[in-house]
Amino acid sequence: MSEATSAAPRIPRHLAIIMDGNGRWAERRRRPRAIGHRAGARAVNVCIDFCLEKGIRALTLFAFSSENWGRPQDEVGALMKLFMTALEREVDDLARRGVRIRFIGERERFQPAIVERMDAAEALTRANQRLHLTIAASYGGRWDIAQAARALALEVAAGRLAPEAIDEAAVGARVALADLPPPDLFIRTGGEMRVSNFLLWQLAYTELWFTERLWPEVDAATLQQALDDYARRERRFGLTGAQIAAREGSDATPQGNPQ
């Protein structure tokens, strides 16, 4: 193996991001918060371009939480308008670039016109494999686990599943993103250092990276800084450093849970 090959940086398979700071970015400029959300949408495009360039296969963005419905009505309305505009303008281009789009969360809480656009975007891009782009909208990690528990309860009630067969794998197969590897790297912008009810099950062994930069300020250099930090970390998945060292050069990364 050449020195160049052996020194190749580790790239996360799956990147999850809380895009925090749009409102504060606008307020610092004495502009309406809706302007910040529009600036944040441009940063989303930067992030997608970055993932495509680096070969990151999955990107999950926290766009709108279950709790965000409680924000001022004018801000929620502006977000919904921006969401609709993005679906109208961006989907065709993303489809041409090999991006698969899907949405996780309580879809029924959105207006029918938005749900229709979401369904159409998923249908158009379903066969794409270059980048799996997931938008968490009206999403909460506790809701995600609860809906998995509800699905298991229904199977038990129908006699298709024995209660003793419920284990971590059974729950993990029913939470959102079960068909993707768990996130390797989580990024949160805006200076807050918490996961805020995002992918609570899926982030169990994810590397966390926080930055003071507000989301509209994020550029390729910021994202590269996060990847560089990730590449320096030793991911042990509950094992010892010696055990991980013995696995280097193999494809024996633990699968499923833990990850």
C-alpha atoms as a PDB file:
ATOM      1  CA  MET A   1       0.000   0.000   0.000  1.00  0.00           C
ATOM      2  CA  SER A   2       1.432   3.380  -0.947  1.00  0.00           C
ATOM      3  CA  GLU A   3       1.970   6.160   1.570  1.00  0.00           C
ATOM      4  CA  ALA A   4      -0.653   8.256  -0.219  1.00  0.00           C
ATOM      5  CA  THR A   5      -3.182   5.457   0.014  1.00  0.00           C
ATOM      6  CA  SER A   6      -2.477   4.709   3.661  1.00  0.00           C
ATOM      7  CA  ALA A   7      -2.803   8.397   4.532  1.00  0.00           C
ATOM      8  CA  ALA A   8      -6.193   8.811   2.851  1.00  0.00           C
ATOM      9  CA  PRO A   9      -8.522  10.653   5.251  1.00  0.00           C
ATOM     10  CA  ARG A  10     -11.555   8.958   6.738  1.00  0.00           C
ATOM     11  CA  ILE A  11     -14.743  10.344   5.233  1.00  0.00           C
ATOM     12  CA  PRO A  12     -18.039   9.954   7.092  1.00  0.00           C
ATOM     13  CA  ARG A  13     -20.585   7.848   5.274  1.00  0.00           C
ATOM     14  CA  HIS A  14     -23.453   9.747   6.848  1.00  0.00           C
ATOM     15  CA  LEU A  15     -23.432  13.374   7.996  1.00  0.00           C
ATOM     16  CA  ALA A  16     -26.227  14.789  10.183  1.00  0.00           C
ATOM     17  CA  ILE A  17     -26.578  18.521  10.766  1.00  0.00           C
ATOM     18  CA  ILE A  18     -28.630  20.842  12.962  1.00  0.00           C
ATOM     19  CA  MET A  19     -28.676  24.075  10.966  1.00  0.00           C
ATOM     20  CA  ASP A  20     -28.888  26.561  13.830  1.00  0.00           C
ATOM     21  CA  GLY A  21     -28.529  30.323  13.770  1.00  0.00           C
ATOM     22  CA  ASN A  22     -30.598  31.621  10.849  1.00  0.00           C
ATOM     23  CA  GLY A  23     -32.686  33.922  13.033  1.00  0.00           C
ATOM     24  CA  ARG A  24     -29.724  35.268  14.991  1.00  0.00           C
ATOM     25  CA  TRP A  25     -27.839  35.891  11.745  1.00  0.00           C
ATOM     26  CA  ALA A  26     -30.695  38.099  10.554  1.00  0.00           C
ATOM     27  CA  GLU A  27     -31.193  39.839  13.906  1.00  0.00           C
ATOM     28  CA  ARG A  28     -27.512  40.829  14.069  1.00  0.00           C
ATOM     29  CA  ARG A  29     -28.053  42.568  10.739  1.00  0.00           C
ATOM     30  CA  ARG A  30     -31.353  44.101  11.904  1.00  0.00           C
ATOM     31  CA  ARG A  31     -33.243  42.173   9.271  1.00  0.00           C
ATOM     32  CA  PRO A  32     -36.398  40.041   9.560  1.00  0.00           C
ATOM     33  CA  ARG A  33     -35.794  36.458  10.648  1.00  0.00           C
ATOM     34  CA  ALA A  34     -37.207  35.276   7.314  1.00  0.00           C
ATOM     35  CA  ILE A  35     -34.150  36.799   5.616  1.00  0.00           C
ATOM     36  CA  GLY A  36     -31.972  34.581   7.777  1.00  0.00           C
ATOM     37  CA  HIS A  37     -33.878  31.499   6.712  1.00  0.00           C
ATOM     38  CA  ARG A  38     -33.358  32.411   3.061  1.00  0.00           C
ATOM     39  CA  ALA A  39     -29.642  32.836   3.705  1.00  0.00           C
ATOM     40  CA  GLY A  40     -29.684  29.451   5.437  1.00  0.00           C
ATOM     41  CA  ALA A  41     -31.170  27.871   2.324  1.00  0.00           C
ATOM     42  CA  ARG A  42     -28.122  29.000   0.367  1.00  0.00           C
ATOM     43  CA  ALA A  43     -25.897  27.300   2.943  1.00  0.00           C
ATOM     44  CA  VAL A  44     -27.838  24.076   2.338  1.00  0.00           C
ATOM     45  CA  ASN A  45     -26.751  24.193  -1.297  1.00  0.00           C
ATOM     46  CA  VAL A  46     -23.133  24.684  -0.203  1.00  0.00           C
ATOM     47  CA  CYS A  47     -23.443  21.646   2.040  1.00  0.00           C
ATOM     48  CA  ILE A  48     -24.947  19.463  -0.683  1.00  0.00           C
ATOM     49  CA  ASP A  49     -22.185  20.487  -3.098  1.00  0.00           C
ATOM     50  CA  PHE A  50     -19.589  19.650  -0.448  1.00  0.00           C
ATOM     51  CA  CYS A  51     -21.021  16.178   0.201  1.00  0.00           C
ATOM     52  CA  LEU A  52     -21.137  15.390  -3.510  1.00  0.00           C
ATOM     53  CA  GLU A  53     -17.527  16.518  -3.935  1.00  0.00           C
ATOM     54  CA  LYS A  54     -16.248  14.540  -0.944  1.00  0.00           C
ATOM     55  CA  GLY A  55     -18.159  11.356  -1.683  1.00  0.00           C
ATOM     56  CA  ILE A  56     -20.305  11.490   1.458  1.00  0.00           C
ATOM     57  CA  ARG A  57     -23.183   9.147   0.716  1.00  0.00           C
ATOM     58  CA  ALA A  58     -25.871  10.362   3.138  1.00  0.00           C
ATOM     59  CA  LEU A  59     -26.786  13.809   4.483  1.00  0.00           C
ATOM     60  CA  THR A  60     -29.568  14.389   6.991  1.00  0.00           C
ATOM     61  CA  LEU A  61     -30.603  17.969   7.756  1.00  0.00           C
ATOM     62  CA  PHE A  62     -32.795  19.086  10.658  1.00  0.00           C
ATOM     63  CA  ALA A  63     -34.962  21.651   8.886  1.00  0.00           C
ATOM     64  CA  PHE A  64     -37.990  21.992  11.157  1.00  0.00           C
ATOM     65  CA  SER A  65     -38.593  20.332  14.506  1.00  0.00           C
ATOM     66  CA  SER A  66     -41.868  19.253  16.064  1.00  0.00           C
ATOM     67  CA  GLU A  67     -41.384  22.079  18.567  1.00  0.00           C
ATOM     68  CA  ASN A  68     -40.911  24.700  15.833  1.00  0.00           C
ATOM     69  CA  TRP A  69     -44.657  24.722  15.198  1.00  0.00           C
ATOM     70  CA  GLY A  70     -44.871  26.794  18.403  1.00  0.00           C
ATOM     71  CA  ARG A  71     -42.848  29.675  16.937  1.00  0.00           C
ATOM     72  CA  PRO A  72     -44.562  32.967  15.962  1.00  0.00           C
ATOM     73  CA  GLN A  73     -47.057  32.359  13.203  1.00  0.00           C
ATOM     74  CA  ASP A  74     -45.419  34.808  10.808  1.00  0.00           C
ATOM     75  CA  GLU A  75     -42.091  32.985  11.099  1.00  0.00           C
ATOM     76  CA  VAL A  76     -43.728  29.578  10.596  1.00  0.00           C
ATOM     77  CA  GLY A  77     -45.540  30.963   7.561  1.00  0.00           C
ATOM     78  CA  ALA A  78     -42.301  32.300   6.106  1.00  0.00           C
ATOM     79  CA  LEU A  79     -40.634  28.945   6.653  1.00  0.00           C
ATOM     80  CA  MET A  80     -43.463  27.124   4.903  1.00  0.00           C
ATOM     81  CA  LYS A  81     -43.255  29.514   1.959  1.00  0.00           C
ATOM     82  CA  LEU A  82     -39.496  29.000   1.757  1.00  0.00           C
ATOM     83  CA  PHE A  83     -39.980  25.252   1.972  1.00  0.00           C
ATOM     84  CA  MET A  84     -42.424  25.292  -0.929  1.00  0.00           C
ATOM     85  CA  THR A  85     -40.145  27.527  -3.012  1.00  0.00           C
ATOM     86  CA  ALA A  86     -37.182  25.234  -2.440  1.00  0.00           C
ATOM     87  CA  LEU A  87     -39.212  22.211  -3.496  1.00  0.00           C
ATOM     88  CA  GLU A  88     -40.220  24.001  -6.676  1.00  0.00           C
ATOM     89  CA  ARG A  89     -36.769  25.317  -7.606  1.00  0.00           C
ATOM     90  CA  GLU A  90     -34.239  22.767  -6.429  1.00  0.00           C
ATOM     91  CA  VAL A  91     -35.671  19.292  -6.911  1.00  0.00           C
ATOM     92  CA  ASP A  92     -35.133  18.940 -10.654  1.00  0.00           C
ATOM     93  CA  ASP A  93     -31.488  19.993 -10.373  1.00  0.00           C
ATOM     94  CA  LEU A  94     -30.858  17.645  -7.458  1.00  0.00           C
ATOM     95  CA  ALA A  95     -32.473  14.817  -9.402  1.00  0.00           C
ATOM     96  CA  ARG A  96     -30.125  15.418 -12.348  1.00  0.00           C
ATOM     97  CA  ARG A  97     -27.152  15.307  -9.983  1.00  0.00           C
ATOM     98  CA  GLY A  98     -28.071  11.895  -8.609  1.00  0.00           C
ATOM     99  CA  VAL A  99     -29.466  13.033  -5.263  1.00  0.00           C
ATOM    100  CA  ARG A 100     -32.244  11.049  -3.639  1.00  0.00           C
ATOM    101  CA  ILE A 101     -34.559  13.221  -1.520  1.00  0.00           C
ATOM    102  CA  ARG A 102     -36.812  12.080   1.264  1.00  0.00           C
ATOM    103  CA  PHE A 103     -38.534  13.553   4.284  1.00  0.00           C
ATOM    104  CA  ILE A 104     -38.929  12.204   7.814  1.00  0.00           C
ATOM    105  CA  GLY A 105     -41.337  13.534  10.410  1.00  0.00           C
ATOM    106  CA  GLU A 106     -45.042  14.111  10.939  1.00  0.00           C
ATOM    107  CA  ARG A 107     -45.862  14.874   7.326  1.00  0.00           C
ATOM    108  CA  GLU A 108     -49.583  15.137   8.006  1.00  0.00           C
ATOM    109  CA  ARG A 109     -49.044  18.401   9.916  1.00  0.00           C
ATOM    110  CA  PHE A 110     -48.067  20.208   6.707  1.00  0.00           C
ATOM    111  CA  GLN A 111     -50.511  21.793   4.292  1.00  0.00           C
ATOM    112  CA  PRO A 112     -51.681  19.410   1.536  1.00  0.00           C
ATOM    113  CA  ALA A 113     -49.864  21.403  -1.171  1.00  0.00           C
ATOM    114  CA  ILE A 114     -46.548  20.959   0.621  1.00  0.00           C
ATOM    115  CA  VAL A 115     -47.184  17.248   1.226  1.00  0.00           C
ATOM    116  CA  GLU A 116     -47.934  16.842  -2.472  1.00  0.00           C
ATOM    117  CA  ARG A 117     -44.602  18.462  -3.360  1.00  0.00           C
ATOM    118  CA  MET A 118     -42.751  16.304  -0.858  1.00  0.00           C
ATOM    119  CA  ASP A 119     -44.296  13.145  -2.292  1.00  0.00           C
ATOM    120  CA  ALA A 120     -43.427  14.253  -5.833  1.00  0.00           C
ATOM    121  CA  ALA A 121     -39.795  15.011  -4.912  1.00  0.00           C
ATOM    122  CA  GLU A 122     -39.405  11.576  -3.355  1.00  0.00           C
ATOM    123  CA  ALA A 123     -40.960   9.838  -6.338  1.00  0.00           C
ATOM    124  CA  LEU A 124     -38.800  11.715  -8.841  1.00  0.00           C
ATOM    125  CA  THR A 125     -35.525  10.942  -7.064  1.00  0.00           C
ATOM    126  CA  ARG A 126     -36.254   7.502  -5.607  1.00  0.00           C
ATOM    127  CA  ALA A 127     -33.800   5.634  -7.863  1.00  0.00           C
ATOM    128  CA  ASN A 128     -30.871   8.003  -7.278  1.00  0.00           C
ATOM    129  CA  GLN A 129     -27.922   6.728  -5.270  1.00  0.00           C
ATOM    130  CA  ARG A 130     -25.141   9.332  -5.391  1.00  0.00           C
ATOM    131  CA  LEU A 131     -26.302  11.150  -2.234  1.00  0.00           C
ATOM    132  CA  HIS A 132     -29.166  10.275   0.092  1.00  0.00           C
ATOM    133  CA  LEU A 133     -30.502  13.644   1.229  1.00  0.00           C
ATOM    134  CA  THR A 134     -32.973  13.405   4.108  1.00  0.00           C
ATOM    135  CA  ILE A 135     -34.871  16.440   5.339  1.00  0.00           C
ATOM    136  CA  ALA A 136     -36.152  16.108   8.898  1.00  0.00           C
ATOM    137  CA  ALA A 137     -39.257  18.293   8.926  1.00  0.00           C
ATOM    138  CA  SER A 138     -41.843  18.353  11.714  1.00  0.00           C
ATOM    139  CA  TYR A 139     -39.519  15.767  13.232  1.00  0.00           C
ATOM    140  CA  GLY A 140     -38.594  14.875  16.795  1.00  0.00           C
ATOM    141  CA  GLY A 141     -36.408  12.065  18.066  1.00  0.00           C
ATOM    142  CA  ARG A 142     -38.867  11.113  20.799  1.00  0.00           C
ATOM    143  CA  TRP A 143     -41.671  10.991  18.233  1.00  0.00           C
ATOM    144  CA  ASP A 144     -39.474   8.746  16.086  1.00  0.00           C
ATOM    145  CA  ILE A 145     -38.906   6.243  18.909  1.00  0.00           C
ATOM    146  CA  ALA A 146     -42.576   6.388  19.924  1.00  0.00           C
ATOM    147  CA  GLN A 147     -43.766   5.599  16.403  1.00  0.00           C
ATOM    148  CA  ALA A 148     -41.355   2.645  16.299  1.00  0.00           C
ATOM    149  CA  ALA A 149     -42.758   1.386  19.608  1.00  0.00           C
ATOM    150  CA  ARG A 150     -46.291   1.808  18.273  1.00  0.00           C
ATOM    151  CA  ALA A 151     -45.452  -0.218  15.172  1.00  0.00           C
ATOM    152  CA  LEU A 152     -44.039  -3.006  17.332  1.00  0.00           C
ATOM    153  CA  ALA A 153     -47.110  -2.953  19.598  1.00  0.00           C
ATOM    154  CA  LEU A 154     -49.389  -3.339  16.583  1.00  0.00           C
ATOM    155  CA  GLU A 155     -47.384  -6.341  15.373  1.00  0.00           C
ATOM    156  CA  VAL A 156     -47.580  -7.957  18.806  1.00  0.00           C
ATOM    157  CA  ALA A 157     -51.331  -7.298  18.995  1.00  0.00           C
ATOM    158  CA  ALA A 158     -51.785  -8.868  15.555  1.00  0.00           C
ATOM    159  CA  GLY A 159     -49.871 -11.956  16.628  1.00  0.00           C
ATOM    160  CA  ARG A 160     -47.058 -11.418  14.114  1.00  0.00           C
ATOM    161  CA  LEU A 161     -44.392 -10.725  16.735  1.00  0.00           C
ATOM    162  CA  ALA A 162     -43.678 -12.196  20.149  1.00  0.00           C
ATOM    163  CA  PRO A 163     -42.941  -9.635  22.888  1.00  0.00           C
ATOM    164  CA  GLU A 164     -39.700 -11.417  23.768  1.00  0.00           C
ATOM    165  CA  ALA A 165     -38.531 -10.892  20.184  1.00  0.00           C
ATOM    166  CA  ILE A 166     -38.418  -7.132  20.689  1.00  0.00           C
ATOM    167  CA  ASP A 167     -34.778  -6.122  20.992  1.00  0.00           C
ATOM    168  CA  GLU A 168     -32.571  -3.232  19.891  1.00  0.00           C
ATOM    169  CA  ALA A 169     -32.462  -4.553  16.336  1.00  0.00           C
ATOM    170  CA  ALA A 170     -36.261  -4.688  16.179  1.00  0.00           C
ATOM    171  CA  VAL A 171     -36.596  -1.091  17.354  1.00  0.00           C
ATOM    172  CA  GLY A 172     -33.741   0.072  15.116  1.00  0.00           C
ATOM    173  CA  ALA A 173     -35.451  -1.431  12.071  1.00  0.00           C
ATOM    174  CA  ARG A 174     -38.529   0.725  12.673  1.00  0.00           C
ATOM    175  CA  VAL A 175     -37.055   4.148  13.398  1.00  0.00           C
ATOM    176  CA  ALA A 176     -36.418   6.627  10.603  1.00  0.00           C
ATOM    177  CA  LEU A 177     -33.382   6.036   8.369  1.00  0.00           C
ATOM    178  CA  ALA A 178     -33.247   2.329   9.228  1.00  0.00           C
ATOM    179  CA  ASP A 179     -31.960   1.586   5.721  1.00  0.00           C
ATOM    180  CA  LEU A 180     -28.949   3.907   6.082  1.00  0.00           C
ATOM    181  CA  PRO A 181     -25.831   3.559   8.216  1.00  0.00           C
ATOM    182  CA  PRO A 182     -26.166   5.586  11.420  1.00  0.00           C
ATOM    183  CA  PRO A 183     -24.628   9.066  11.229  1.00  0.00           C
ATOM    184  CA  ASP A 184     -20.853   9.012  11.610  1.00  0.00           C
ATOM    185  CA  LEU A 185     -20.597  12.746  12.233  1.00  0.00           C
ATOM    186  CA  PHE A 186     -23.077  15.215  13.715  1.00  0.00           C
ATOM    187  CA  ILE A 187     -22.576  18.957  13.234  1.00  0.00           C
ATOM    188  CA  ARG A 188     -24.421  21.705  15.043  1.00  0.00           C
ATOM    189  CA  THR A 189     -23.874  25.327  14.155  1.00  0.00           C
ATOM    190  CA  GLY A 190     -24.784  28.419  16.161  1.00  0.00           C
ATOM    191  CA  GLY A 191     -22.845  27.736  19.358  1.00  0.00           C
ATOM    192  CA  GLU A 192     -25.410  25.574  21.148  1.00  0.00           C
ATOM    193  CA  MET A 193     -24.065  22.258  22.451  1.00  0.00           C
ATOM    194  CA  ARG A 194     -27.009  19.882  22.532  1.00  0.00           C
ATOM    195  CA  VAL A 195     -28.798  17.524  20.150  1.00  0.00           C
ATOM    196  CA  SER A 196     -32.272  19.079  20.644  1.00  0.00           C
ATOM    197  CA  ASN A 197     -34.393  15.960  20.124  1.00  0.00           C
ATOM    198  CA  PHE A 198     -32.732  15.121  16.788  1.00  0.00           C
ATOM    199  CA  LEU A 199     -32.152  11.458  15.823  1.00  0.00           C
ATOM    200  CA  LEU A 200     -31.959  10.369  19.466  1.00  0.00           C
ATOM    201  CA  TRP A 201     -31.770   6.667  18.607  1.00  0.00           C
ATOM    202  CA  GLN A 202     -29.498   7.033  15.588  1.00  0.00           C
ATOM    203  CA  LEU A 203     -26.865   9.254  17.261  1.00  0.00           C
ATOM    204  CA  ALA A 204     -25.890   6.709  19.932  1.00  0.00           C
ATOM    205  CA  TYR A 205     -22.276   6.364  18.712  1.00  0.00           C
ATOM    206  CA  THR A 206     -22.032   9.388  16.448  1.00  0.00           C
ATOM    207  CA  GLU A 207     -19.086  11.805  16.727  1.00  0.00           C
ATOM    208  CA  LEU A 208     -20.325  15.275  17.724  1.00  0.00           C
ATOM    209  CA  TRP A 209     -18.864  18.549  16.417  1.00  0.00           C
ATOM    210  CA  PHE A 210     -20.017  22.027  17.394  1.00  0.00           C
ATOM    211  CA  THR A 211     -19.164  25.440  15.977  1.00  0.00           C
ATOM    212  CA  GLU A 212     -19.986  29.017  16.928  1.00  0.00           C
ATOM    213  CA  ARG A 213     -20.573  29.878  13.284  1.00  0.00           C
ATOM    214  CA  LEU A 214     -24.191  30.590  12.427  1.00  0.00           C
ATOM    215  CA  TRP A 215     -25.673  28.395   9.713  1.00  0.00           C
ATOM    216  CA  PRO A 216     -25.772  31.072   6.965  1.00  0.00           C
ATOM    217  CA  GLU A 217     -22.032  31.617   7.559  1.00  0.00           C
ATOM    218  CA  VAL A 218     -21.126  27.983   6.955  1.00  0.00           C
ATOM    219  CA  ASP A 219     -18.941  27.381   3.920  1.00  0.00           C
ATOM    220  CA  ALA A 220     -16.857  24.541   2.525  1.00  0.00           C
ATOM    221  CA  ALA A 221     -13.942  25.503   4.793  1.00  0.00           C
ATOM    222  CA  THR A 222     -16.137  25.113   7.892  1.00  0.00           C
ATOM    223  CA  LEU A 223     -17.335  21.712   6.756  1.00  0.00           C
ATOM    224  CA  GLN A 224     -13.782  20.638   5.952  1.00  0.00           C
ATOM    225  CA  GLN A 225     -12.716  21.656   9.461  1.00  0.00           C
ATOM    226  CA  ALA A 226     -15.363  19.313  10.858  1.00  0.00           C
ATOM    227  CA  LEU A 227     -14.191  16.470   8.603  1.00  0.00           C
ATOM    228  CA  ASP A 228     -10.560  17.038   9.561  1.00  0.00           C
ATOM    229  CA  ASP A 229     -11.471  16.815  13.241  1.00  0.00           C
ATOM    230  CA  TYR A 230     -13.522  13.678  12.607  1.00  0.00           C
ATOM    231  CA  ALA A 231     -10.602  12.024  10.785  1.00  0.00           C
ATOM    232  CA  ARG A 232      -8.370  12.476  13.844  1.00  0.00           C
ATOM    233  CA  ARG A 233     -10.760  10.759  16.244  1.00  0.00           C
ATOM    234  CA  GLU A 234     -10.570   7.131  17.288  1.00  0.00           C
ATOM    235  CA  ARG A 235     -14.012   5.552  17.066  1.00  0.00           C
ATOM    236  CA  ARG A 236     -14.106   2.623  19.481  1.00  0.00           C
ATOM    237  CA  PHE A 237     -17.803   1.609  19.603  1.00  0.00           C
ATOM    238  CA  GLY A 238     -17.395   0.352  23.168  1.00  0.00           C
ATOM    239  CA  LEU A 239     -14.206  -1.588  22.400  1.00  0.00           C
ATOM    240  CA  THR A 240     -10.656  -0.829  23.557  1.00  0.00           C
ATOM    241  CA  GLY A 241      -8.123   1.112  21.548  1.00  0.00           C
ATOM    242  CA  ALA A 242      -6.061  -2.061  21.145  1.00  0.00           C
ATOM    243  CA  GLN A 243      -9.027  -3.944  19.712  1.00  0.00           C
ATOM    244  CA  ILE A 244      -9.723  -1.169  17.222  1.00  0.00           C
ATOM    245  CA  ALA A 245      -6.054  -1.084  16.210  1.00  0.00           C
ATOM    246  CA  ALA A 246      -6.202  -4.821  15.503  1.00  0.00           C
ATOM    247  CA  ARG A 247      -9.144  -4.238  13.176  1.00  0.00           C
ATOM    248  CA  GLU A 248      -7.426  -1.551  11.094  1.00  0.00           C
ATOM    249  CA  GLY A 249      -7.122  -2.432   7.472  1.00  0.00           C
ATOM    250  CA  SER A 250     -10.229  -4.653   7.604  1.00  0.00           C
ATOM    251  CA  ASP A 251     -13.901  -3.987   7.011  1.00  0.00           C
ATOM    252  CA  ALA A 252     -14.856  -5.183  10.474  1.00  0.00           C
ATOM    253  CA  THR A 253     -16.551  -1.990  11.662  1.00  0.00           C
ATOM    254  CA  PRO A 254     -19.406  -3.082  13.967  1.00  0.00           C
ATOM    255  CA  GLN A 255     -22.703  -3.121  12.121  1.00  0.00           C
ATOM    256  CA  GLY A 256     -26.119  -2.146  13.337  1.00  0.00           C
ATOM    257  CA  ASN A 257     -26.129  -1.323  17.038  1.00  0.00           C
ATOM    258  CA  PRO A 258     -23.779  -0.117  18.388  1.00  0.00           C
ATOM    259  CA  GLN A 259     -22.518   2.192  15.660  1.00  0.00           C
END
